[in-house]
Amino acid sequence: NATVISQERIAEDIYSMWIRTEAASEAK
């Protein structure tokens, strides 16, 4: 279960979301 930190609309139908997740430790 990740937690949403922030979310914003950055263009038409395009959204940006930051989440807190364990996946960040390994992601490339």
mmCIF file of all heavy atoms, coordinates in Angstrom:
data_MODEL
# 
_entry.id   MODEL 
# 
loop_
_atom_site.group_PDB 
_atom_site.id 
_atom_site.type_symbol 
_atom_site.label_atom_id 
_atom_site.label_alt_id 
_atom_site.label_comp_id 
_atom_site.label_asym_id 
_atom_site.label_entity_id 
_atom_site.label_seq_id 
_atom_site.pdbx_PDB_ins_code 
_atom_site.Cartn_x 
_atom_site.Cartn_y 
_atom_site.Cartn_z 
_atom_site.occupancy 
_atom_site.B_iso_or_equiv 
_atom_site.pdbx_formal_charge 
_atom_site.auth_seq_id 
_atom_site.auth_comp_id 
_atom_site.auth_asym_id 
_atom_site.auth_atom_id 
_atom_site.pdbx_PDB_model_num 
ATOM 1   N N   . ASN A 1 1  ? 0.844  -1.186 0.000   1.00 0.00 ? 1  ASN A N   1 
ATOM 2   C CA  . ASN A 1 1  ? 0.000  0.000  0.000   1.00 0.00 ? 1  ASN A CA  1 
ATOM 3   C C   . ASN A 1 1  ? 0.880  1.237  0.000   1.00 0.00 ? 1  ASN A C   1 
ATOM 4   O O   . ASN A 1 1  ? 1.516  1.558  1.011   1.00 0.00 ? 1  ASN A O   1 
ATOM 5   C CB  . ASN A 1 1  ? -0.931 0.005  1.211   1.00 0.00 ? 1  ASN A CB  1 
ATOM 6   C CG  . ASN A 1 1  ? -2.055 -0.990 1.070   1.00 0.00 ? 1  ASN A CG  1 
ATOM 7   O OD1 . ASN A 1 1  ? -2.566 -1.228 -0.024  1.00 0.00 ? 1  ASN A OD1 1 
ATOM 8   N ND2 . ASN A 1 1  ? -2.454 -1.607 2.179   1.00 0.00 ? 1  ASN A ND2 1 
ATOM 9   N N   . ALA A 1 2  ? 0.945  1.912  -1.145  1.00 0.00 ? 2  ALA A N   1 
ATOM 10  C CA  . ALA A 1 2  ? 1.699  3.159  -1.252  1.00 0.00 ? 2  ALA A CA  1 
ATOM 11  C C   . ALA A 1 2  ? 0.806  4.318  -0.811  1.00 0.00 ? 2  ALA A C   1 
ATOM 12  O O   . ALA A 1 2  ? -0.420 4.220  -0.852  1.00 0.00 ? 2  ALA A O   1 
ATOM 13  C CB  . ALA A 1 2  ? 2.169  3.361  -2.683  1.00 0.00 ? 2  ALA A CB  1 
ATOM 14  N N   . THR A 1 3  ? 1.429  5.410  -0.418  1.00 0.00 ? 3  THR A N   1 
ATOM 15  C CA  . THR A 1 3  ? 0.690  6.588  0.032   1.00 0.00 ? 3  THR A CA  1 
ATOM 16  C C   . THR A 1 3  ? 0.905  7.745  -0.939  1.00 0.00 ? 3  THR A C   1 
ATOM 17  O O   . THR A 1 3  ? 2.055  8.036  -1.316  1.00 0.00 ? 3  THR A O   1 
ATOM 18  C CB  . THR A 1 3  ? 1.152  7.023  1.440   1.00 0.00 ? 3  THR A CB  1 
ATOM 19  O OG1 . THR A 1 3  ? 0.995  5.928  2.338   1.00 0.00 ? 3  THR A OG1 1 
ATOM 20  C CG2 . THR A 1 3  ? 0.341  8.203  1.935   1.00 0.00 ? 3  THR A CG2 1 
ATOM 21  N N   . VAL A 1 4  ? -0.174 8.379  -1.339  1.00 0.00 ? 4  VAL A N   1 
ATOM 22  C CA  . VAL A 1 4  ? -0.079 9.537  -2.224  1.00 0.00 ? 4  VAL A CA  1 
ATOM 23  C C   . VAL A 1 4  ? 0.474  10.721 -1.441  1.00 0.00 ? 4  VAL A C   1 
ATOM 24  O O   . VAL A 1 4  ? -0.042 11.079 -0.374  1.00 0.00 ? 4  VAL A O   1 
ATOM 25  C CB  . VAL A 1 4  ? -1.457 9.893  -2.819  1.00 0.00 ? 4  VAL A CB  1 
ATOM 26  C CG1 . VAL A 1 4  ? -1.356 11.156 -3.671  1.00 0.00 ? 4  VAL A CG1 1 
ATOM 27  C CG2 . VAL A 1 4  ? -2.002 8.734  -3.636  1.00 0.00 ? 4  VAL A CG2 1 
ATOM 28  N N   . ILE A 1 5  ? 1.548  11.308 -1.953  1.00 0.00 ? 5  ILE A N   1 
ATOM 29  C CA  . ILE A 1 5  ? 2.153  12.489 -1.327  1.00 0.00 ? 5  ILE A CA  1 
ATOM 30  C C   . ILE A 1 5  ? 1.580  13.762 -1.936  1.00 0.00 ? 5  ILE A C   1 
ATOM 31  O O   . ILE A 1 5  ? 1.254  14.724 -1.232  1.00 0.00 ? 5  ILE A O   1 
ATOM 32  C CB  . ILE A 1 5  ? 3.684  12.468 -1.500  1.00 0.00 ? 5  ILE A CB  1 
ATOM 33  C CG1 . ILE A 1 5  ? 4.280  11.232 -0.820  1.00 0.00 ? 5  ILE A CG1 1 
ATOM 34  C CG2 . ILE A 1 5  ? 4.314  13.745 -0.966  1.00 0.00 ? 5  ILE A CG2 1 
ATOM 35  C CD1 . ILE A 1 5  ? 5.737  11.005 -1.150  1.00 0.00 ? 5  ILE A CD1 1 
ATOM 36  N N   . SER A 1 6  ? 1.443  13.775 -3.259  1.00 0.00 ? 6  SER A N   1 
ATOM 37  C CA  . SER A 1 6  ? 0.897  14.939 -3.944  1.00 0.00 ? 6  SER A CA  1 
ATOM 38  C C   . SER A 1 6  ? 0.386  14.526 -5.315  1.00 0.00 ? 6  SER A C   1 
ATOM 39  O O   . SER A 1 6  ? 0.793  13.498 -5.851  1.00 0.00 ? 6  SER A O   1 
ATOM 40  C CB  . SER A 1 6  ? 1.948  16.040 -4.092  1.00 0.00 ? 6  SER A CB  1 
ATOM 41  O OG  . SER A 1 6  ? 3.007  15.594 -4.933  1.00 0.00 ? 6  SER A OG  1 
ATOM 42  N N   . GLN A 1 7  ? -0.474 15.346 -5.875  1.00 0.00 ? 7  GLN A N   1 
ATOM 43  C CA  . GLN A 1 7  ? -1.008 15.101 -7.212  1.00 0.00 ? 7  GLN A CA  1 
ATOM 44  C C   . GLN A 1 7  ? -1.382 16.430 -7.853  1.00 0.00 ? 7  GLN A C   1 
ATOM 45  O O   . GLN A 1 7  ? -1.920 17.323 -7.194  1.00 0.00 ? 7  GLN A O   1 
ATOM 46  C CB  . GLN A 1 7  ? -2.244 14.211 -7.149  1.00 0.00 ? 7  GLN A CB  1 
ATOM 47  C CG  . GLN A 1 7  ? -3.031 14.137 -8.461  1.00 0.00 ? 7  GLN A CG  1 
ATOM 48  C CD  . GLN A 1 7  ? -3.239 12.715 -8.938  1.00 0.00 ? 7  GLN A CD  1 
ATOM 49  O OE1 . GLN A 1 7  ? -2.508 12.251 -9.802  1.00 0.00 ? 7  GLN A OE1 1 
ATOM 50  N NE2 . GLN A 1 7  ? -4.220 12.027 -8.382  1.00 0.00 ? 7  GLN A NE2 1 
ATOM 51  N N   . GLU A 1 8  ? -1.061 16.569 -9.137  1.00 0.00 ? 8  GLU A N   1 
ATOM 52  C CA  . GLU A 1 8  ? -1.445 17.781 -9.861  1.00 0.00 ? 8  GLU A CA  1 
ATOM 53  C C   . GLU A 1 8  ? -1.665 17.469 -11.339 1.00 0.00 ? 8  GLU A C   1 
ATOM 54  O O   . GLU A 1 8  ? -1.085 16.526 -11.875 1.00 0.00 ? 8  GLU A O   1 
ATOM 55  C CB  . GLU A 1 8  ? -0.385 18.871 -9.719  1.00 0.00 ? 8  GLU A CB  1 
ATOM 56  C CG  . GLU A 1 8  ? 0.973  18.513 -10.307 1.00 0.00 ? 8  GLU A CG  1 
ATOM 57  C CD  . GLU A 1 8  ? 1.977  19.649 -10.216 1.00 0.00 ? 8  GLU A CD  1 
ATOM 58  O OE1 . GLU A 1 8  ? 1.571  20.822 -10.391 1.00 0.00 ? 8  GLU A OE1 1 
ATOM 59  O OE2 . GLU A 1 8  ? 3.169  19.365 -9.986  1.00 0.00 ? 8  GLU A OE2 1 
ATOM 60  N N   . ARG A 1 9  ? -2.514 18.264 -11.950 1.00 0.00 ? 9  ARG A N   1 
ATOM 61  C CA  . ARG A 1 9  ? -2.754 18.176 -13.396 1.00 0.00 ? 9  ARG A CA  1 
ATOM 62  C C   . ARG A 1 9  ? -1.729 19.069 -14.071 1.00 0.00 ? 9  ARG A C   1 
ATOM 63  O O   . ARG A 1 9  ? -1.626 20.260 -13.746 1.00 0.00 ? 9  ARG A O   1 
ATOM 64  C CB  . ARG A 1 9  ? -4.165 18.645 -13.723 1.00 0.00 ? 9  ARG A CB  1 
ATOM 65  C CG  . ARG A 1 9  ? -4.533 18.645 -15.192 1.00 0.00 ? 9  ARG A CG  1 
ATOM 66  C CD  . ARG A 1 9  ? -5.944 19.201 -15.362 1.00 0.00 ? 9  ARG A CD  1 
ATOM 67  N NE  . ARG A 1 9  ? -6.356 19.274 -16.759 1.00 0.00 ? 9  ARG A NE  1 
ATOM 68  C CZ  . ARG A 1 9  ? -6.088 20.293 -17.572 1.00 0.00 ? 9  ARG A CZ  1 
ATOM 69  N NH1 . ARG A 1 9  ? -5.381 21.330 -17.113 1.00 0.00 ? 9  ARG A NH1 1 
ATOM 70  N NH2 . ARG A 1 9  ? -6.500 20.288 -18.819 1.00 0.00 ? 9  ARG A NH2 1 
ATOM 71  N N   . ILE A 1 10 ? -0.934 18.531 -15.003 1.00 0.00 ? 10 ILE A N   1 
ATOM 72  C CA  . ILE A 1 10 ? 0.137  19.319 -15.616 1.00 0.00 ? 10 ILE A CA  1 
ATOM 73  C C   . ILE A 1 10 ? -0.113 19.612 -17.096 1.00 0.00 ? 10 ILE A C   1 
ATOM 74  O O   . ILE A 1 10 ? 0.635  20.368 -17.707 1.00 0.00 ? 10 ILE A O   1 
ATOM 75  C CB  . ILE A 1 10 ? 1.510  18.641 -15.421 1.00 0.00 ? 10 ILE A CB  1 
ATOM 76  C CG1 . ILE A 1 10 ? 1.534  17.233 -16.027 1.00 0.00 ? 10 ILE A CG1 1 
ATOM 77  C CG2 . ILE A 1 10 ? 1.872  18.599 -13.939 1.00 0.00 ? 10 ILE A CG2 1 
ATOM 78  C CD1 . ILE A 1 10 ? 2.913  16.579 -15.988 1.00 0.00 ? 10 ILE A CD1 1 
ATOM 79  N N   . ALA A 1 11 ? -1.138 19.001 -17.672 1.00 0.00 ? 11 ALA A N   1 
ATOM 80  C CA  . ALA A 1 11 ? -1.551 19.283 -19.054 1.00 0.00 ? 11 ALA A CA  1 
ATOM 81  C C   . ALA A 1 11 ? -2.935 18.650 -19.220 1.00 0.00 ? 11 ALA A C   1 
ATOM 82  O O   . ALA A 1 11 ? -3.440 18.006 -18.297 1.00 0.00 ? 11 ALA A O   1 
ATOM 83  C CB  . ALA A 1 11 ? -0.559 18.703 -20.070 1.00 0.00 ? 11 ALA A CB  1 
ATOM 84  N N   . GLU A 1 12 ? -3.535 18.845 -20.367 1.00 0.00 ? 12 GLU A N   1 
ATOM 85  C CA  . GLU A 1 12 ? -4.856 18.274 -20.590 1.00 0.00 ? 12 GLU A CA  1 
ATOM 86  C C   . GLU A 1 12 ? -4.803 16.748 -20.465 1.00 0.00 ? 12 GLU A C   1 
ATOM 87  O O   . GLU A 1 12 ? -4.062 16.081 -21.193 1.00 0.00 ? 12 GLU A O   1 
ATOM 88  C CB  . GLU A 1 12 ? -5.386 18.650 -21.976 1.00 0.00 ? 12 GLU A CB  1 
ATOM 89  C CG  . GLU A 1 12 ? -6.797 18.145 -22.245 1.00 0.00 ? 12 GLU A CG  1 
ATOM 90  C CD  . GLU A 1 12 ? -7.321 18.534 -23.609 1.00 0.00 ? 12 GLU A CD  1 
ATOM 91  O OE1 . GLU A 1 12 ? -6.596 19.225 -24.363 1.00 0.00 ? 12 GLU A OE1 1 
ATOM 92  O OE2 . GLU A 1 12 ? -8.455 18.145 -23.937 1.00 0.00 ? 12 GLU A OE2 1 
ATOM 93  N N   . ASP A 1 13 ? -5.553 16.209 -19.502 1.00 0.00 ? 13 ASP A N   1 
ATOM 94  C CA  . ASP A 1 13 ? -5.633 14.769 -19.237 1.00 0.00 ? 13 ASP A CA  1 
ATOM 95  C C   . ASP A 1 13 ? -4.321 14.155 -18.749 1.00 0.00 ? 13 ASP A C   1 
ATOM 96  O O   . ASP A 1 13 ? -4.201 12.934 -18.664 1.00 0.00 ? 13 ASP A O   1 
ATOM 97  C CB  . ASP A 1 13 ? -6.115 13.996 -20.479 1.00 0.00 ? 13 ASP A CB  1 
ATOM 98  C CG  . ASP A 1 13 ? -7.526 14.376 -20.892 1.00 0.00 ? 13 ASP A CG  1 
ATOM 99  O OD1 . ASP A 1 13 ? -8.325 14.719 -19.999 1.00 0.00 ? 13 ASP A OD1 1 
ATOM 100 O OD2 . ASP A 1 13 ? -7.823 14.342 -22.096 1.00 0.00 ? 13 ASP A OD2 1 
ATOM 101 N N   . ILE A 1 14 ? -3.329 14.982 -18.409 1.00 0.00 ? 14 ILE A N   1 
ATOM 102 C CA  . ILE A 1 14 ? -2.040 14.484 -17.923 1.00 0.00 ? 14 ILE A CA  1 
ATOM 103 C C   . ILE A 1 14 ? -1.883 14.856 -16.447 1.00 0.00 ? 14 ILE A C   1 
ATOM 104 O O   . ILE A 1 14 ? -1.994 16.033 -16.080 1.00 0.00 ? 14 ILE A O   1 
ATOM 105 C CB  . ILE A 1 14 ? -0.853 15.060 -18.716 1.00 0.00 ? 14 ILE A CB  1 
ATOM 106 C CG1 . ILE A 1 14 ? -1.006 14.785 -20.223 1.00 0.00 ? 14 ILE A CG1 1 
ATOM 107 C CG2 . ILE A 1 14 ? 0.470  14.483 -18.198 1.00 0.00 ? 14 ILE A CG2 1 
ATOM 108 C CD1 . ILE A 1 14 ? -0.896 13.342 -20.618 1.00 0.00 ? 14 ILE A CD1 1 
ATOM 109 N N   . TYR A 1 15 ? -1.598 13.859 -15.617 1.00 0.00 ? 15 TYR A N   1 
ATOM 110 C CA  . TYR A 1 15 ? -1.476 14.073 -14.175 1.00 0.00 ? 15 TYR A CA  1 
ATOM 111 C C   . TYR A 1 15 ? -0.116 13.587 -13.669 1.00 0.00 ? 15 TYR A C   1 
ATOM 112 O O   . TYR A 1 15 ? 0.437  12.623 -14.192 1.00 0.00 ? 15 TYR A O   1 
ATOM 113 C CB  . TYR A 1 15 ? -2.590 13.339 -13.425 1.00 0.00 ? 15 TYR A CB  1 
ATOM 114 C CG  . TYR A 1 15 ? -3.946 13.978 -13.611 1.00 0.00 ? 15 TYR A CG  1 
ATOM 115 C CD1 . TYR A 1 15 ? -4.676 13.780 -14.780 1.00 0.00 ? 15 TYR A CD1 1 
ATOM 116 C CD2 . TYR A 1 15 ? -4.486 14.805 -12.630 1.00 0.00 ? 15 TYR A CD2 1 
ATOM 117 C CE1 . TYR A 1 15 ? -5.914 14.384 -14.967 1.00 0.00 ? 15 TYR A CE1 1 
ATOM 118 C CE2 . TYR A 1 15 ? -5.724 15.405 -12.800 1.00 0.00 ? 15 TYR A CE2 1 
ATOM 119 C CZ  . TYR A 1 15 ? -6.430 15.191 -13.978 1.00 0.00 ? 15 TYR A CZ  1 
ATOM 120 O OH  . TYR A 1 15 ? -7.649 15.798 -14.162 1.00 0.00 ? 15 TYR A OH  1 
ATOM 121 N N   . SER A 1 16 ? 0.370  14.278 -12.652 1.00 0.00 ? 16 SER A N   1 
ATOM 122 C CA  . SER A 1 16 ? 1.632  13.935 -12.005 1.00 0.00 ? 16 SER A CA  1 
ATOM 123 C C   . SER A 1 16 ? 1.352  13.575 -10.560 1.00 0.00 ? 16 SER A C   1 
ATOM 124 O O   . SER A 1 16 ? 0.731  14.342 -9.824  1.00 0.00 ? 16 SER A O   1 
ATOM 125 C CB  . SER A 1 16 ? 2.596  15.128 -12.067 1.00 0.00 ? 16 SER A CB  1 
ATOM 126 O OG  . SER A 1 16 ? 3.711  14.913 -11.223 1.00 0.00 ? 16 SER A OG  1 
ATOM 127 N N   . MET A 1 17 ? 1.801  12.399 -10.138 1.00 0.00 ? 17 MET A N   1 
ATOM 128 C CA  . MET A 1 17 ? 1.574  11.930 -8.773  1.00 0.00 ? 17 MET A CA  1 
ATOM 129 C C   . MET A 1 17 ? 2.883  11.461 -8.147  1.00 0.00 ? 17 MET A C   1 
ATOM 130 O O   . MET A 1 17 ? 3.623  10.694 -8.757  1.00 0.00 ? 17 MET A O   1 
ATOM 131 C CB  . MET A 1 17 ? 0.573  10.765 -8.781  1.00 0.00 ? 17 MET A CB  1 
ATOM 132 C CG  . MET A 1 17 ? 0.271  10.178 -7.399  1.00 0.00 ? 17 MET A CG  1 
ATOM 133 S SD  . MET A 1 17 ? -0.620 8.593  -7.470  1.00 0.00 ? 17 MET A SD  1 
ATOM 134 C CE  . MET A 1 17 ? -2.209 9.105  -8.094  1.00 0.00 ? 17 MET A CE  1 
ATOM 135 N N   . TRP A 1 18 ? 3.156  11.951 -6.941  1.00 0.00 ? 18 TRP A N   1 
ATOM 136 C CA  . TRP A 1 18 ? 4.266  11.433 -6.142  1.00 0.00 ? 18 TRP A CA  1 
ATOM 137 C C   . TRP A 1 18 ? 3.681  10.483 -5.110  1.00 0.00 ? 18 TRP A C   1 
ATOM 138 O O   . TRP A 1 18 ? 2.677  10.802 -4.470  1.00 0.00 ? 18 TRP A O   1 
ATOM 139 C CB  . TRP A 1 18 ? 4.993  12.563 -5.424  1.00 0.00 ? 18 TRP A CB  1 
ATOM 140 C CG  . TRP A 1 18 ? 5.999  13.306 -6.249  1.00 0.00 ? 18 TRP A CG  1 
ATOM 141 C CD1 . TRP A 1 18 ? 5.808  14.490 -6.904  1.00 0.00 ? 18 TRP A CD1 1 
ATOM 142 C CD2 . TRP A 1 18 ? 7.365  12.930 -6.492  1.00 0.00 ? 18 TRP A CD2 1 
ATOM 143 N NE1 . TRP A 1 18 ? 6.960  14.874 -7.551  1.00 0.00 ? 18 TRP A NE1 1 
ATOM 144 C CE2 . TRP A 1 18 ? 7.934  13.946 -7.306  1.00 0.00 ? 18 TRP A CE2 1 
ATOM 145 C CE3 . TRP A 1 18 ? 8.145  11.848 -6.099  1.00 0.00 ? 18 TRP A CE3 1 
ATOM 146 C CZ2 . TRP A 1 18 ? 9.262  13.888 -7.735  1.00 0.00 ? 18 TRP A CZ2 1 
ATOM 147 C CZ3 . TRP A 1 18 ? 9.472  11.795 -6.530  1.00 0.00 ? 18 TRP A CZ3 1 
ATOM 148 C CH2 . TRP A 1 18 ? 10.010 12.801 -7.339  1.00 0.00 ? 18 TRP A CH2 1 
ATOM 149 N N   . ILE A 1 19 ? 4.304  9.306  -4.960  1.00 0.00 ? 19 ILE A N   1 
ATOM 150 C CA  . ILE A 1 19 ? 3.852  8.344  -3.953  1.00 0.00 ? 19 ILE A CA  1 
ATOM 151 C C   . ILE A 1 19 ? 5.032  7.901  -3.100  1.00 0.00 ? 19 ILE A C   1 
ATOM 152 O O   . ILE A 1 19 ? 6.174  7.887  -3.559  1.00 0.00 ? 19 ILE A O   1 
ATOM 153 C CB  . ILE A 1 19 ? 3.192  7.101  -4.599  1.00 0.00 ? 19 ILE A CB  1 
ATOM 154 C CG1 . ILE A 1 19 ? 4.174  6.377  -5.534  1.00 0.00 ? 19 ILE A CG1 1 
ATOM 155 C CG2 . ILE A 1 19 ? 1.910  7.471  -5.327  1.00 0.00 ? 19 ILE A CG2 1 
ATOM 156 C CD1 . ILE A 1 19 ? 3.651  5.050  -6.065  1.00 0.00 ? 19 ILE A CD1 1 
ATOM 157 N N   . ARG A 1 20 ? 4.734  7.569  -1.844  1.00 0.00 ? 20 ARG A N   1 
ATOM 158 C CA  . ARG A 1 20 ? 5.752  6.981  -0.962  1.00 0.00 ? 20 ARG A CA  1 
ATOM 159 C C   . ARG A 1 20 ? 5.624  5.474  -1.067  1.00 0.00 ? 20 ARG A C   1 
ATOM 160 O O   . ARG A 1 20 ? 4.556  4.912  -0.828  1.00 0.00 ? 20 ARG A O   1 
ATOM 161 C CB  . ARG A 1 20 ? 5.556  7.455  0.472   1.00 0.00 ? 20 ARG A CB  1 
ATOM 162 C CG  . ARG A 1 20 ? 6.612  6.885  1.426   1.00 0.00 ? 20 ARG A CG  1 
ATOM 163 C CD  . ARG A 1 20 ? 6.709  7.682  2.708   1.00 0.00 ? 20 ARG A CD  1 
ATOM 164 N NE  . ARG A 1 20 ? 7.423  8.950  2.495   1.00 0.00 ? 20 ARG A NE  1 
ATOM 165 C CZ  . ARG A 1 20 ? 6.847  10.143 2.503   1.00 0.00 ? 20 ARG A CZ  1 
ATOM 166 N NH1 . ARG A 1 20 ? 5.554  10.256 2.698   1.00 0.00 ? 20 ARG A NH1 1 
ATOM 167 N NH2 . ARG A 1 20 ? 7.550  11.241 2.295   1.00 0.00 ? 20 ARG A NH2 1 
ATOM 168 N N   . THR A 1 21 ? 6.697  4.806  -1.474  1.00 0.00 ? 21 THR A N   1 
ATOM 169 C CA  . THR A 1 21 ? 6.644  3.379  -1.753  1.00 0.00 ? 21 THR A CA  1 
ATOM 170 C C   . THR A 1 21 ? 7.999  2.720  -1.558  1.00 0.00 ? 21 THR A C   1 
ATOM 171 O O   . THR A 1 21 ? 9.043  3.343  -1.826  1.00 0.00 ? 21 THR A O   1 
ATOM 172 C CB  . THR A 1 21 ? 6.156  3.125  -3.193  1.00 0.00 ? 21 THR A CB  1 
ATOM 173 O OG1 . THR A 1 21 ? 6.364  1.750  -3.542  1.00 0.00 ? 21 THR A OG1 1 
ATOM 174 C CG2 . THR A 1 21 ? 6.883  3.988  -4.205  1.00 0.00 ? 21 THR A CG2 1 
ATOM 175 N N   . GLU A 1 22 ? 7.997  1.477  -1.144  1.00 0.00 ? 22 GLU A N   1 
ATOM 176 C CA  . GLU A 1 22 ? 9.240  0.715  -0.998  1.00 0.00 ? 22 GLU A CA  1 
ATOM 177 C C   . GLU A 1 22 ? 9.914  0.494  -2.351  1.00 0.00 ? 22 GLU A C   1 
ATOM 178 O O   . GLU A 1 22 ? 11.125 0.255  -2.419  1.00 0.00 ? 22 GLU A O   1 
ATOM 179 C CB  . GLU A 1 22 ? 8.942  -0.637 -0.347  1.00 0.00 ? 22 GLU A CB  1 
ATOM 180 C CG  . GLU A 1 22 ? 8.456  -0.544 1.089   1.00 0.00 ? 22 GLU A CG  1 
ATOM 181 C CD  . GLU A 1 22 ? 8.088  -1.896 1.669   1.00 0.00 ? 22 GLU A CD  1 
ATOM 182 O OE1 . GLU A 1 22 ? 8.375  -2.920 1.012   1.00 0.00 ? 22 GLU A OE1 1 
ATOM 183 O OE2 . GLU A 1 22 ? 7.517  -1.934 2.770   1.00 0.00 ? 22 GLU A OE2 1 
ATOM 184 N N   . ALA A 1 23 ? 9.133  0.578  -3.432  1.00 0.00 ? 23 ALA A N   1 
ATOM 185 C CA  . ALA A 1 23 ? 9.683  0.365  -4.778  1.00 0.00 ? 23 ALA A CA  1 
ATOM 186 C C   . ALA A 1 23 ? 10.755 1.388  -5.125  1.00 0.00 ? 23 ALA A C   1 
ATOM 187 O O   . ALA A 1 23 ? 11.596 1.144  -5.998  1.00 0.00 ? 23 ALA A O   1 
ATOM 188 C CB  . ALA A 1 23 ? 8.560  0.410  -5.816  1.00 0.00 ? 23 ALA A CB  1 
ATOM 189 N N   . ALA A 1 24 ? 10.747 2.537  -4.454  1.00 0.00 ? 24 ALA A N   1 
ATOM 190 C CA  . ALA A 1 24 ? 11.714 3.589  -4.762  1.00 0.00 ? 24 ALA A CA  1 
ATOM 191 C C   . ALA A 1 24 ? 13.147 3.147  -4.487  1.00 0.00 ? 24 ALA A C   1 
ATOM 192 O O   . ALA A 1 24 ? 14.089 3.642  -5.122  1.00 0.00 ? 24 ALA A O   1 
ATOM 193 C CB  . ALA A 1 24 ? 11.393 4.842  -3.955  1.00 0.00 ? 24 ALA A CB  1 
ATOM 194 N N   . SER A 1 25 ? 13.338 2.214  -3.572  1.00 0.00 ? 25 SER A N   1 
ATOM 195 C CA  . SER A 1 25 ? 14.693 1.794  -3.202  1.00 0.00 ? 25 SER A CA  1 
ATOM 196 C C   . SER A 1 25 ? 15.382 1.001  -4.306  1.00 0.00 ? 25 SER A C   1 
ATOM 197 O O   . SER A 1 25 ? 16.607 0.944  -4.366  1.00 0.00 ? 25 SER A O   1 
ATOM 198 C CB  . SER A 1 25 ? 14.660 0.971  -1.915  1.00 0.00 ? 25 SER A CB  1 
ATOM 199 O OG  . SER A 1 25 ? 13.950 -0.245 -2.112  1.00 0.00 ? 25 SER A OG  1 
ATOM 200 N N   . GLU A 1 26 ? 14.588 0.377  -5.185  1.00 0.00 ? 26 GLU A N   1 
ATOM 201 C CA  . GLU A 1 26 ? 15.165 -0.481 -6.219  1.00 0.00 ? 26 GLU A CA  1 
ATOM 202 C C   . GLU A 1 26 ? 14.933 0.027  -7.641  1.00 0.00 ? 26 GLU A C   1 
ATOM 203 O O   . GLU A 1 26 ? 15.551 -0.475 -8.586  1.00 0.00 ? 26 GLU A O   1 
ATOM 204 C CB  . GLU A 1 26 ? 14.551 -1.878 -6.130  1.00 0.00 ? 26 GLU A CB  1 
ATOM 205 C CG  . GLU A 1 26 ? 14.769 -2.599 -4.821  1.00 0.00 ? 26 GLU A CG  1 
ATOM 206 C CD  . GLU A 1 26 ? 14.077 -3.942 -4.811  1.00 0.00 ? 26 GLU A CD  1 
ATOM 207 O OE1 . GLU A 1 26 ? 13.894 -4.524 -5.895  1.00 0.00 ? 26 GLU A OE1 1 
ATOM 208 O OE2 . GLU A 1 26 ? 13.697 -4.408 -3.722  1.00 0.00 ? 26 GLU A OE2 1 
ATOM 209 N N   . ALA A 1 27 ? 14.044 0.984  -7.824  1.00 0.00 ? 27 ALA A N   1 
ATOM 210 C CA  . ALA A 1 27 ? 13.633 1.392  -9.169  1.00 0.00 ? 27 ALA A CA  1 
ATOM 211 C C   . ALA A 1 27 ? 14.779 1.960  -9.997  1.00 0.00 ? 27 ALA A C   1 
ATOM 212 O O   . ALA A 1 27 ? 15.685 2.616  -9.468  1.00 0.00 ? 27 ALA A O   1 
ATOM 213 C CB  . ALA A 1 27 ? 12.506 2.419  -9.066  1.00 0.00 ? 27 ALA A CB  1 
ATOM 214 N N   . LYS A 1 28 ? 14.703 1.695  -11.311 1.00 0.00 ? 28 LYS A N   1 
ATOM 215 C CA  . LYS A 1 28 ? 15.695 2.195  -12.265 1.00 0.00 ? 28 LYS A CA  1 
ATOM 216 C C   . LYS A 1 28 ? 14.961 2.852  -13.432 1.00 0.00 ? 28 LYS A C   1 
ATOM 217 O O   . LYS A 1 28 ? 13.805 2.529  -13.720 1.00 0.00 ? 28 LYS A O   1 
ATOM 218 C CB  . LYS A 1 28 ? 16.564 1.046  -12.779 1.00 0.00 ? 28 LYS A CB  1 
ATOM 219 C CG  . LYS A 1 28 ? 17.373 0.356  -11.691 1.00 0.00 ? 28 LYS A CG  1 
ATOM 220 C CD  . LYS A 1 28 ? 18.155 -0.824 -12.262 1.00 0.00 ? 28 LYS A CD  1 
ATOM 221 C CE  . LYS A 1 28 ? 18.933 -1.528 -11.162 1.00 0.00 ? 28 LYS A CE  1 
ATOM 222 N NZ  . LYS A 1 28 ? 19.674 -2.715 -11.682 1.00 0.00 ? 28 LYS A NZ  1 
# 
